[in-house]
């Protein structure tokens, strides 16, 4: 076996009273794709941010290419050969792809920027990665997948030999995921050590050579992927068996809560009609871009619509009015919790109680004690992990942020809960908790409309599945009828419906 390109030993890092890393370790080899797994809050992000130069360890050592790694500087981390590709790339939209690849380090020839070298070098990098991108085109309008390719090209251009991919597939289609896998394999074949972080275990087993698992800030195991099974990985991640990832409870389906009739919005969806009853989980399934989230936004009033009607408990709702939707008893957990669901720099307490402000006021004064009481109650119900309820919500792991979004809407005691990608980007243990909560709420009589791109989640949790394609509902399936073949064929138009 080749010598390790990077070795982390005894890593420790504290943030106030929170021990983010405790005896963490990681060893990377060239010509290898290495998965780093763990629940949200296990310490993965802190360890990766240390490698990226964002943090410095309180204790422990990092050796890179046989030398002591200089910590605490993102510039130095890049210069030492480490590049991090984040889930959400950060390109300059009005610059060309070549300019983005060489941003901040443009080559100079005869006292001016060498534009021709930037173009030719970028073209060669894209070719090396096996993708056809024009280095002279602007970054604005690029898909997330293509933006990630530009970031990877930038990493290669710096001669990085450790490339970290942090949740790179979360927003990609299946075809884009396969292309990214091809790029990752190319990097491995060229001698790079590739770190792959994902909560999708099927991807990990399809792509990675070795797996390191973290739990509670510590590294608990490292093994070849071929030596592990999914149940063993899950058990190591959560410290227990997650025997029932989809704990679907028996419910008594009641009266119609939500009725959508002939809803249409130009260019997005047309002739959408369906109902959701009390105690029922109805899933909107379909490919990305099929119109699922757009329908949810129209129901909640974020977007208006051109035709049709929406009623809750038999009472018609005004189009384009989130306030009326909330007053009627509709709650929406959005797809993007960071941009649409939370005020990231604001405290956990304020985020969890923000939907209840009218009931927390005394005159014009907001009662902070009442705010904390509600937040404390719901975060405890959802088993949210945090150091202090007054901490900014941005300090929480992704799974705990998702719990805060759920807490703020469940606190309103809604009649209809809309959850858009409820478990995207969260670990398998937290997924099980979220599924259990949704199932319990349905059993209590809550009507739930769930949008999910994860087929096992749809099949495991839904009482009925509505499959969308190109802005239309093309098939309705009962729980007994819903299987992978029926859903996928309807979503892709592979058979005549």
Protein backbone atom coordinates (compact mmCIF):
# COMPACT_ATOMS: atom_id res chain seq x y z
CA UNK A 1 0.00 0.00 0.00
CA UNK A 2 1.15 3.52 -0.78
CA UNK A 3 2.10 5.90 2.03
CA UNK A 4 -0.67 8.03 3.52
CA UNK A 5 -1.03 11.46 1.94
CA UNK A 6 -2.83 12.83 5.02
CA UNK A 7 -3.05 11.69 8.63
CA UNK A 8 -5.11 13.24 11.44
CA UNK A 9 -4.46 11.88 14.95
CA UNK A 10 -6.02 12.72 18.32
CA UNK A 11 -7.93 15.72 16.98
CA UNK A 12 -9.85 17.75 19.59
CA UNK A 13 -11.83 20.97 19.18
CA UNK A 14 -14.15 22.77 21.60
CA UNK A 15 -16.60 25.60 20.91
CA UNK A 16 -17.43 27.00 24.32
CA UNK A 17 -18.89 24.09 26.23
CA UNK A 18 -19.47 21.98 23.12
CA UNK A 19 -16.90 19.29 22.35
CA UNK A 20 -17.04 19.14 18.57
CA UNK A 21 -14.05 16.80 18.20
CA UNK A 22 -12.77 14.26 20.73
CA UNK A 23 -9.95 11.92 19.69
CA UNK A 24 -10.87 12.14 16.02
CA UNK A 25 -8.66 10.64 13.36
CA UNK A 26 -8.56 10.23 9.59
CA UNK A 27 -6.01 8.62 7.26
CA UNK A 28 -6.14 9.18 3.49
CA UNK A 29 -4.25 7.38 0.77
CA UNK A 30 -3.67 8.37 -2.86
CA UNK A 31 -5.67 6.56 -5.56
CA UNK A 32 -8.58 6.18 -3.14
CA UNK A 33 -12.11 7.52 -2.64
CA UNK A 34 -12.69 7.65 1.11
CA UNK A 35 -16.16 8.11 2.65
CA UNK A 36 -16.47 10.13 5.86
CA UNK A 37 -19.76 9.24 7.55
CA UNK A 38 -21.58 10.09 10.75
CA UNK A 39 -24.77 11.58 12.09
CA UNK A 40 -25.31 15.32 11.98
CA UNK A 41 -23.28 16.65 14.88
CA UNK A 42 -20.80 13.74 14.78
CA UNK A 43 -17.91 16.14 14.04
CA UNK A 44 -17.48 15.64 10.29
CA UNK A 45 -17.93 19.31 9.40
CA UNK A 46 -15.54 20.49 12.12
CA UNK A 47 -12.88 18.05 10.96
CA UNK A 48 -13.31 19.09 7.32
CA UNK A 49 -13.23 22.79 8.21
CA UNK A 50 -9.94 22.16 9.99
CA UNK A 51 -8.54 20.62 6.81
CA UNK A 52 -9.92 23.57 4.82
CA UNK A 53 -8.10 26.01 7.13
CA UNK A 54 -11.25 27.48 8.71
CA UNK A 55 -10.50 26.11 12.21
CA UNK A 56 -7.40 25.19 14.18
CA UNK A 57 -7.38 22.18 16.49
CA UNK A 58 -7.11 22.56 20.26
CA UNK A 59 -5.14 19.29 20.36
CA UNK A 60 -3.93 16.64 17.97
CA UNK A 61 -1.75 16.56 14.87
CA UNK A 62 -2.26 16.74 11.11
CA UNK A 63 0.40 15.51 8.71
CA UNK A 64 0.09 16.26 5.00
CA UNK A 65 2.50 14.89 2.39
CA UNK A 66 4.95 13.96 5.14
CA UNK A 67 5.00 17.47 6.67
CA UNK A 68 3.17 19.15 9.55
CA UNK A 69 0.01 20.78 8.18
CA UNK A 70 -0.20 24.53 8.87
CA UNK A 71 -3.68 25.17 10.28
CA UNK A 72 -5.98 28.16 10.48
CA UNK A 73 -5.63 29.66 6.98
CA UNK A 74 -7.79 28.77 3.98
CA UNK A 75 -5.13 30.19 1.65
CA UNK A 76 -2.42 28.06 3.23
CA UNK A 77 -4.65 24.99 3.09
CA UNK A 78 -5.06 25.44 -0.67
CA UNK A 79 -1.35 26.07 -1.12
CA UNK A 80 -0.55 22.89 0.82
CA UNK A 81 -2.73 20.84 -1.51
CA UNK A 82 -6.19 20.56 0.08
CA UNK A 83 -9.32 21.66 -1.79
CA UNK A 84 -12.91 21.49 -0.48
CA UNK A 85 -15.90 21.28 -2.85
CA UNK A 86 -18.96 22.39 -0.90
CA UNK A 87 -22.58 21.37 -1.52
CA UNK A 88 -23.35 24.91 -2.68
CA UNK A 89 -20.53 26.22 -4.94
CA UNK A 90 -19.54 29.86 -4.65
CA UNK A 91 -18.70 31.13 -8.14
CA UNK A 92 -18.64 34.68 -9.50
CA UNK A 93 -21.71 34.62 -11.79
CA UNK A 94 -20.61 37.39 -14.15
CA UNK A 95 -17.13 36.02 -14.75
CA UNK A 96 -16.29 33.36 -17.31
CA UNK A 97 -15.61 29.80 -16.23
CA UNK A 98 -11.91 30.32 -16.96
CA UNK A 99 -11.86 33.44 -14.79
CA UNK A 100 -13.56 31.51 -11.99
CA UNK A 101 -11.03 28.68 -12.22
CA UNK A 102 -8.17 31.18 -11.79
CA UNK A 103 -9.96 33.69 -9.53
CA UNK A 104 -7.47 35.43 -7.24
CA UNK A 105 -4.42 33.93 -8.95
CA UNK A 106 -4.62 35.01 -12.60
CA UNK A 107 -1.49 34.14 -14.60
CA UNK A 108 0.48 37.16 -15.79
CA UNK A 109 2.56 37.48 -18.99
CA UNK A 110 4.46 40.60 -19.95
CA UNK A 111 2.80 42.59 -17.17
CA UNK A 112 -0.83 41.73 -18.03
CA UNK A 113 -3.25 38.87 -17.43
CA UNK A 114 -2.59 35.94 -19.75
CA UNK A 115 -6.17 35.37 -20.95
CA UNK A 116 -5.18 32.80 -23.59
CA UNK A 117 -3.40 30.63 -21.03
CA UNK A 118 -6.43 30.78 -18.70
CA UNK A 119 -8.71 29.69 -21.52
CA UNK A 120 -6.51 26.87 -22.81
CA UNK A 121 -5.66 25.60 -19.33
CA UNK A 122 -9.33 25.61 -18.26
CA UNK A 123 -10.34 23.81 -21.45
CA UNK A 124 -7.70 21.18 -20.75
CA UNK A 125 -8.88 20.80 -17.14
CA UNK A 126 -12.51 20.30 -18.23
CA UNK A 127 -11.35 17.75 -20.80
CA UNK A 128 -9.30 16.00 -18.12
CA UNK A 129 -12.46 15.74 -16.02
CA UNK A 130 -14.39 14.36 -18.99
CA UNK A 131 -16.91 17.21 -19.31
CA UNK A 132 -17.71 19.56 -22.18
CA UNK A 133 -17.81 23.06 -20.71
CA UNK A 134 -16.92 26.24 -22.58
CA UNK A 135 -14.31 28.17 -20.55
CA UNK A 136 -15.44 31.44 -22.17
CA UNK A 137 -19.09 31.14 -21.10
CA UNK A 138 -20.37 33.01 -18.02
CA UNK A 139 -21.01 31.18 -14.77
CA UNK A 140 -24.45 32.72 -14.37
CA UNK A 141 -27.16 30.19 -15.10
CA UNK A 142 -24.95 27.11 -14.67
CA UNK A 143 -26.56 24.13 -12.97
CA UNK A 144 -25.30 23.15 -9.52
CA UNK A 145 -23.66 20.12 -11.13
CA UNK A 146 -21.69 22.25 -13.61
CA UNK A 147 -20.75 24.72 -10.88
CA UNK A 148 -19.25 21.84 -8.91
CA UNK A 149 -17.24 20.78 -11.95
CA UNK A 150 -15.78 24.31 -12.18
CA UNK A 151 -14.86 24.14 -8.49
CA UNK A 152 -13.18 20.75 -9.05
CA UNK A 153 -11.27 22.17 -12.04
CA UNK A 154 -10.12 25.01 -9.81
CA UNK A 155 -8.92 22.47 -7.23
CA UNK A 156 -6.94 20.51 -9.82
CA UNK A 157 -5.39 23.68 -11.19
CA UNK A 158 -3.91 24.37 -7.75
CA UNK A 159 -2.29 20.91 -7.84
CA UNK A 160 -4.42 19.76 -4.89
CA UNK A 161 -3.91 16.09 -4.09
CA UNK A 162 -6.58 15.93 -1.35
CA UNK A 163 -10.03 16.83 -2.64
CA UNK A 164 -12.96 16.92 -0.22
CA UNK A 165 -16.51 16.65 -1.61
CA UNK A 166 -18.98 17.72 1.09
CA UNK A 167 -22.53 16.48 0.29
CA UNK A 168 -21.93 17.04 -3.44
CA UNK A 169 -24.96 15.07 -4.67
CA UNK A 170 -27.69 16.57 -2.47
CA UNK A 171 -29.14 18.78 -5.23
CA UNK A 172 -28.25 16.69 -8.28
CA UNK A 173 -30.36 14.52 -10.59
CA UNK A 174 -29.46 10.86 -11.08
CA UNK A 175 -27.66 11.62 -14.37
CA UNK A 176 -25.69 14.45 -12.75
CA UNK A 177 -24.76 12.16 -9.86
CA UNK A 178 -23.40 9.55 -12.27
CA UNK A 179 -21.33 12.20 -14.06
CA UNK A 180 -19.91 13.39 -10.72
CA UNK A 181 -19.04 9.79 -9.87
CA UNK A 182 -17.14 9.53 -13.15
CA UNK A 183 -15.22 12.71 -12.30
CA UNK A 184 -14.42 11.39 -8.80
CA UNK A 185 -13.13 8.12 -10.26
CA UNK A 186 -10.99 10.05 -12.74
CA UNK A 187 -9.47 12.02 -9.86
CA UNK A 188 -8.76 8.79 -7.99
CA UNK A 189 -7.10 7.27 -11.06
CA UNK A 190 -4.91 10.38 -11.37
CA UNK A 191 -3.57 9.79 -7.84
CA UNK A 192 -5.74 12.08 -5.74
CA UNK A 193 -7.15 11.20 -2.34
CA UNK A 194 -10.86 12.01 -2.59
CA UNK A 195 -12.98 12.45 0.56
CA UNK A 196 -16.68 11.86 -0.10
CA UNK A 197 -19.25 12.99 2.49
CA UNK A 198 -22.83 11.85 2.01
CA UNK A 199 -25.86 10.63 3.94
CA UNK A 200 -26.86 8.45 0.99
CA UNK A 201 -25.41 5.07 1.79
CA UNK A 202 -26.24 3.59 -1.61
CA UNK A 203 -23.92 6.20 -3.16
CA UNK A 204 -21.18 5.46 -0.63
CA UNK A 205 -21.24 1.74 -1.38
CA UNK A 206 -21.32 2.38 -5.14
CA UNK A 207 -18.39 4.82 -5.16
CA UNK A 208 -16.07 4.57 -2.18
CA UNK A 209 -13.10 2.30 -1.48
CA UNK A 210 -12.87 2.89 2.27
CA UNK A 211 -15.20 4.23 4.98
CA UNK A 212 -14.41 6.15 8.17
CA UNK A 213 -17.28 6.57 10.64
CA UNK A 214 -17.51 9.28 13.31
CA UNK A 215 -19.82 9.48 16.32
CA UNK A 216 -19.99 12.12 19.06
CA UNK A 217 -16.82 13.84 17.85
CA UNK A 218 -14.71 10.68 17.73
CA UNK A 219 -13.65 8.29 15.00
CA UNK A 220 -15.21 4.92 15.80
CA UNK A 221 -14.11 2.79 12.84
CA UNK A 222 -12.32 2.68 9.49
CA UNK A 223 -12.64 -0.24 7.09
CA UNK A 224 -12.73 -1.19 3.43
CA UNK A 225 -16.18 -0.72 1.94
CA UNK A 226 -16.13 -4.33 0.75
CA UNK A 227 -15.86 -5.49 4.38
CA UNK A 228 -18.99 -3.62 5.56
CA UNK A 229 -22.75 -3.85 5.12
CA UNK A 230 -25.27 -1.02 5.34
CA UNK A 231 -26.71 -2.25 8.69
CA UNK A 232 -23.19 -2.36 10.15
CA UNK A 233 -22.49 1.19 8.96
CA UNK A 234 -25.77 2.48 10.38
CA UNK A 235 -25.14 0.75 13.71
CA UNK A 236 -21.68 2.32 13.95
CA UNK A 237 -23.01 5.77 13.03
CA UNK A 238 -25.86 5.95 15.53
CA UNK A 239 -24.58 3.58 18.24
CA UNK A 240 -27.74 1.47 18.01
CA UNK A 241 -29.82 -0.53 15.57
CA UNK A 242 -32.20 1.52 13.45
CA UNK A 243 -34.44 -1.44 12.72
CA UNK A 244 -37.35 0.59 11.48
CA UNK A 245 -36.38 3.56 9.33
CA UNK A 246 -39.98 4.07 8.25
CA UNK A 247 -42.09 3.57 11.40
CA UNK A 248 -45.50 3.83 9.71
CA UNK A 249 -48.32 3.70 12.28
CA UNK A 250 -51.87 2.61 11.60
CA UNK A 251 -54.22 5.60 11.39
CA UNK A 252 -57.91 6.27 10.98
CA UNK A 253 -58.37 8.48 7.92
CA UNK A 254 -60.91 11.24 8.54
CA UNK A 255 -62.59 14.01 6.59
CA UNK A 256 -61.02 15.97 3.75
CA UNK A 257 -58.76 18.72 5.12
CA UNK A 258 -57.16 20.01 1.92
CA UNK A 259 -58.93 20.15 -1.43
CA UNK A 260 -57.08 21.38 -4.51
CA UNK A 261 -59.18 21.77 -7.66
CA UNK A 262 -57.90 22.39 -11.22
CA UNK A 263 -54.96 24.48 -10.01
CA UNK A 264 -52.78 26.02 -12.73
CA UNK A 265 -49.82 28.39 -12.96
CA UNK A 266 -48.43 29.22 -16.39
CA UNK A 267 -45.17 27.43 -17.14
CA UNK A 268 -45.14 25.46 -13.88
CA UNK A 269 -48.20 23.24 -13.40
CA UNK A 270 -51.66 22.67 -14.83
CA UNK A 271 -54.96 20.96 -13.88
CA UNK A 272 -53.78 19.90 -10.42
CA UNK A 273 -56.56 18.30 -8.38
CA UNK A 274 -56.24 16.17 -5.24
CA UNK A 275 -57.28 15.92 -1.59
CA UNK A 276 -55.53 15.21 1.69
CA UNK A 277 -57.56 13.82 4.58
CA UNK A 278 -57.04 14.00 8.33
CA UNK A 279 -54.64 11.29 9.49
CA UNK A 280 -53.29 10.75 5.98
CA UNK A 281 -49.78 11.18 4.53
CA UNK A 282 -50.01 11.97 0.82
CA UNK A 283 -46.74 12.06 -1.10
CA UNK A 284 -46.04 14.15 -4.19
CA UNK A 285 -43.43 12.17 -6.11
CA UNK A 286 -41.67 12.89 -9.38
CA UNK A 287 -38.40 14.03 -10.88
CA UNK A 288 -36.74 17.33 -9.98
CA UNK A 289 -38.49 20.03 -12.03
CA UNK A 290 -41.81 18.17 -12.26
CA UNK A 291 -43.61 20.97 -10.39
CA UNK A 292 -43.99 19.42 -6.93
CA UNK A 293 -42.49 22.27 -4.88
CA UNK A 294 -44.27 24.86 -7.02
CA UNK A 295 -47.62 23.28 -6.13
CA UNK A 296 -46.72 23.34 -2.43
CA UNK A 297 -45.72 27.02 -2.63
CA UNK A 298 -49.05 27.85 -4.29
CA UNK A 299 -51.01 26.01 -1.58
CA UNK A 300 -49.19 27.94 1.13
CA UNK A 301 -49.65 31.23 -0.73
CA UNK A 302 -45.97 31.96 -1.39
CA UNK A 303 -46.82 32.00 -5.10
CA UNK A 304 -50.13 32.89 -6.69
CA UNK A 305 -51.85 30.84 -9.38
CA UNK A 306 -53.78 31.56 -12.57
CA UNK A 307 -56.74 29.20 -12.22
CA UNK A 308 -58.36 26.76 -9.84
CA UNK A 309 -59.08 26.83 -6.13
CA UNK A 310 -57.73 25.69 -2.77
CA UNK A 311 -59.86 25.04 0.30
CA UNK A 312 -59.07 23.96 3.84
CA UNK A 313 -61.81 22.22 5.80
CA UNK A 314 -64.28 23.36 3.15
CA UNK A 315 -63.34 27.06 3.33
CA UNK A 316 -61.82 28.62 0.19
CA UNK A 317 -58.41 30.25 0.61
CA UNK A 318 -57.28 33.48 -1.01
CA UNK A 319 -54.56 33.01 -3.60
CA UNK A 320 -51.06 34.33 -2.87
CA UNK A 321 -51.53 34.96 0.86
CA UNK A 322 -49.25 33.03 3.25
CA UNK A 323 -50.81 34.91 6.17
CA UNK A 324 -54.26 33.58 5.30
CA UNK A 325 -52.84 30.09 4.80
CA UNK A 326 -51.21 30.21 8.24
CA UNK A 327 -54.38 31.59 9.85
CA UNK A 328 -56.35 28.74 8.30
CA UNK A 329 -53.96 26.18 9.77
CA UNK A 330 -51.41 25.40 7.05
CA UNK A 331 -47.72 24.97 7.87
CA UNK A 332 -44.91 24.65 5.32
CA UNK A 333 -41.49 23.14 6.03
CA UNK A 334 -39.59 24.31 2.93
CA UNK A 335 -37.04 22.40 0.87
CA UNK A 336 -34.17 24.80 1.66
CA UNK A 337 -34.10 25.18 5.43
CA UNK A 338 -31.14 27.57 5.44
CA UNK A 339 -32.49 30.06 2.90
CA UNK A 340 -36.24 29.71 3.40
CA UNK A 341 -36.82 28.10 6.79
CA UNK A 342 -34.50 29.76 9.29
CA UNK A 343 -32.85 33.04 10.27
CA UNK A 344 -29.39 31.57 10.54
CA UNK A 345 -27.64 34.20 12.75
CA UNK A 346 -30.66 34.36 15.11
CA UNK A 347 -31.10 32.27 18.25
CA UNK A 348 -32.68 28.83 18.38
CA UNK A 349 -35.36 30.25 20.69
CA UNK A 350 -36.38 33.02 18.30
CA UNK A 351 -36.41 30.70 15.31
CA UNK A 352 -38.51 28.07 17.07
CA UNK A 353 -41.05 30.58 18.38
CA UNK A 354 -41.24 33.01 15.45
CA UNK A 355 -44.53 31.61 14.14
CA UNK A 356 -46.15 32.30 17.54
CA UNK A 357 -45.27 35.98 17.96
CA UNK A 358 -48.88 37.18 18.15
CA UNK A 359 -49.58 34.94 21.15
CA UNK A 360 -46.30 35.83 22.87
CA UNK A 361 -46.81 39.59 22.95
CA UNK A 362 -48.06 41.55 25.87
CA UNK A 363 -49.20 44.77 24.27
CA UNK A 364 -46.30 45.77 22.05
CA UNK A 365 -43.75 43.89 24.15
CA UNK A 366 -42.52 40.44 23.19
CA UNK A 367 -42.17 38.25 26.27
CA UNK A 368 -38.77 36.61 26.00
CA UNK A 369 -39.61 34.13 28.78
CA UNK A 370 -42.68 32.91 26.86
CA UNK A 371 -40.60 32.68 23.71
CA UNK A 372 -38.03 30.50 25.44
CA UNK A 373 -40.75 28.36 27.03
CA UNK A 374 -42.33 27.46 23.69
CA UNK A 375 -38.96 26.90 22.04
CA UNK A 376 -37.75 24.76 24.94
CA UNK A 377 -40.93 22.66 24.89
CA UNK A 378 -40.81 21.84 21.18
CA UNK A 379 -37.08 21.35 20.90
CA UNK A 380 -37.29 18.85 23.76
CA UNK A 381 -40.17 17.03 22.05
CA UNK A 382 -38.02 16.79 18.91
CA UNK A 383 -34.88 15.86 20.90
CA UNK A 384 -32.90 18.75 19.44
CA UNK A 385 -29.26 18.89 20.52
CA UNK A 386 -27.76 22.28 21.39
CA UNK A 387 -25.54 23.90 24.01
CA UNK A 388 -27.85 26.85 24.76
CA UNK A 389 -31.25 27.76 23.37
CA UNK A 390 -29.90 31.30 22.93
CA UNK A 391 -27.17 30.09 20.54
CA UNK A 392 -27.47 31.08 16.85
CA UNK A 393 -29.23 28.35 14.88
CA UNK A 394 -26.32 28.36 12.39
CA UNK A 395 -24.22 26.58 15.03
CA UNK A 396 -26.46 23.52 14.87
CA UNK A 397 -25.91 20.50 12.66
CA UNK A 398 -28.14 20.12 9.62
CA UNK A 399 -30.39 17.57 11.30
CA UNK A 400 -30.91 19.76 14.36
CA UNK A 401 -31.62 22.78 12.15
CA UNK A 402 -34.32 20.69 10.44
CA UNK A 403 -35.81 19.90 13.86
CA UNK A 404 -35.99 23.63 14.67
CA UNK A 405 -37.92 24.24 11.42
CA UNK A 406 -40.32 21.43 12.34
CA UNK A 407 -40.62 22.80 15.88
CA UNK A 408 -41.60 26.29 14.77
CA UNK A 409 -44.42 24.97 12.57
CA UNK A 410 -45.70 22.21 14.88
CA UNK A 411 -45.96 24.86 17.60
CA UNK A 412 -48.78 26.44 15.57
CA UNK A 413 -50.87 23.25 15.94
CA UNK A 414 -51.59 23.12 12.18
CA UNK A 415 -54.39 21.25 10.44
CA UNK A 416 -52.24 20.62 7.36
CA UNK A 417 -48.47 20.15 7.44
CA UNK A 418 -46.60 20.43 4.12
CA UNK A 419 -43.07 19.00 4.30
CA UNK A 420 -40.83 19.52 1.27
CA UNK A 421 -37.84 17.12 1.31
CA UNK A 422 -38.17 16.61 5.10
CA UNK A 423 -34.98 14.55 5.47
CA UNK A 424 -32.66 15.99 2.79
CA UNK A 425 -29.10 16.29 4.05
CA UNK A 426 -29.72 14.69 7.45
CA UNK A 427 -28.32 11.46 8.80
CA UNK A 428 -30.05 8.10 9.01
CA UNK A 429 -30.69 8.30 12.77
CA UNK A 430 -32.37 11.70 12.51
CA UNK A 431 -34.32 10.50 9.47
CA UNK A 432 -35.82 7.76 11.58
CA UNK A 433 -36.81 10.32 14.24
CA UNK A 434 -38.41 12.63 11.66
CA UNK A 435 -40.32 9.74 10.09
CA UNK A 436 -41.54 8.63 13.52
CA UNK A 437 -42.71 12.16 14.31
CA UNK A 438 -44.63 12.48 11.02
CA UNK A 439 -46.25 9.10 11.57
CA UNK A 440 -47.26 10.03 15.13
CA UNK A 441 -48.74 13.34 13.98
CA UNK A 442 -50.74 11.58 11.27
CA UNK A 443 -52.03 9.12 13.86
CA UNK A 444 -53.15 12.13 15.94
CA UNK A 445 -55.20 13.34 12.96
CA UNK A 446 -52.86 15.78 11.23
CA UNK A 447 -53.12 15.89 7.44
CA UNK A 448 -49.65 15.72 5.86
CA UNK A 449 -48.57 16.52 2.31
CA UNK A 450 -45.01 15.24 1.79
CA UNK A 451 -42.71 16.01 -1.13
CA UNK A 452 -39.70 13.76 -1.44
CA UNK A 453 -37.13 12.78 -4.06
CA UNK A 454 -36.14 9.72 -2.03
CA UNK A 455 -38.23 6.83 -3.32
CA UNK A 456 -37.79 4.62 -0.21
CA UNK A 457 -39.14 7.51 1.88
CA UNK A 458 -42.16 7.90 -0.40
CA UNK A 459 -42.92 4.17 -0.38
CA UNK A 460 -42.24 3.81 3.33
CA UNK A 461 -44.31 6.73 4.64
CA UNK A 462 -47.14 7.55 2.21
CA UNK A 463 -50.74 6.33 2.36
CA UNK A 464 -51.19 7.58 -1.20
CA UNK A 465 -48.68 8.64 -3.85
CA UNK A 466 -49.41 11.30 -6.47
CA UNK A 467 -46.83 11.14 -9.24
CA UNK A 468 -46.08 14.38 -11.11
CA UNK A 469 -44.46 14.79 -14.52
CA UNK A 470 -43.96 18.05 -16.42
CA UNK A 471 -46.41 19.98 -14.25
CA UNK A 472 -49.21 17.40 -14.26
CA UNK A 473 -50.36 14.69 -11.87
CA UNK A 474 -50.07 11.63 -14.11
CA UNK A 475 -50.89 8.85 -11.68
CA UNK A 476 -52.35 8.22 -8.22
CA UNK A 477 -51.27 5.10 -6.34
CA UNK A 478 -52.61 3.60 -3.15
CA UNK A 479 -50.11 2.35 -0.56
CA UNK A 480 -50.60 -1.21 -1.79
CA UNK A 481 -50.11 -0.17 -5.44
CA UNK A 482 -47.07 2.00 -4.86
CA UNK A 483 -43.79 0.33 -5.73
CA UNK A 484 -40.55 1.45 -7.35
CA UNK A 485 -41.53 0.32 -10.83
CA UNK A 486 -44.93 2.06 -10.83
CA UNK A 487 -43.61 5.34 -9.44
CA UNK A 488 -40.54 5.55 -11.67
CA UNK A 489 -42.39 4.58 -14.84
CA UNK A 490 -45.03 7.24 -14.19
CA UNK A 491 -42.44 9.90 -13.28
CA UNK A 492 -40.37 9.28 -16.39
CA UNK A 493 -43.19 8.54 -18.84
CA UNK A 494 -41.70 5.12 -19.55
CA UNK A 495 -45.16 3.58 -20.02
CA UNK A 496 -48.53 4.82 -21.11
CA UNK A 497 -50.46 5.82 -18.04
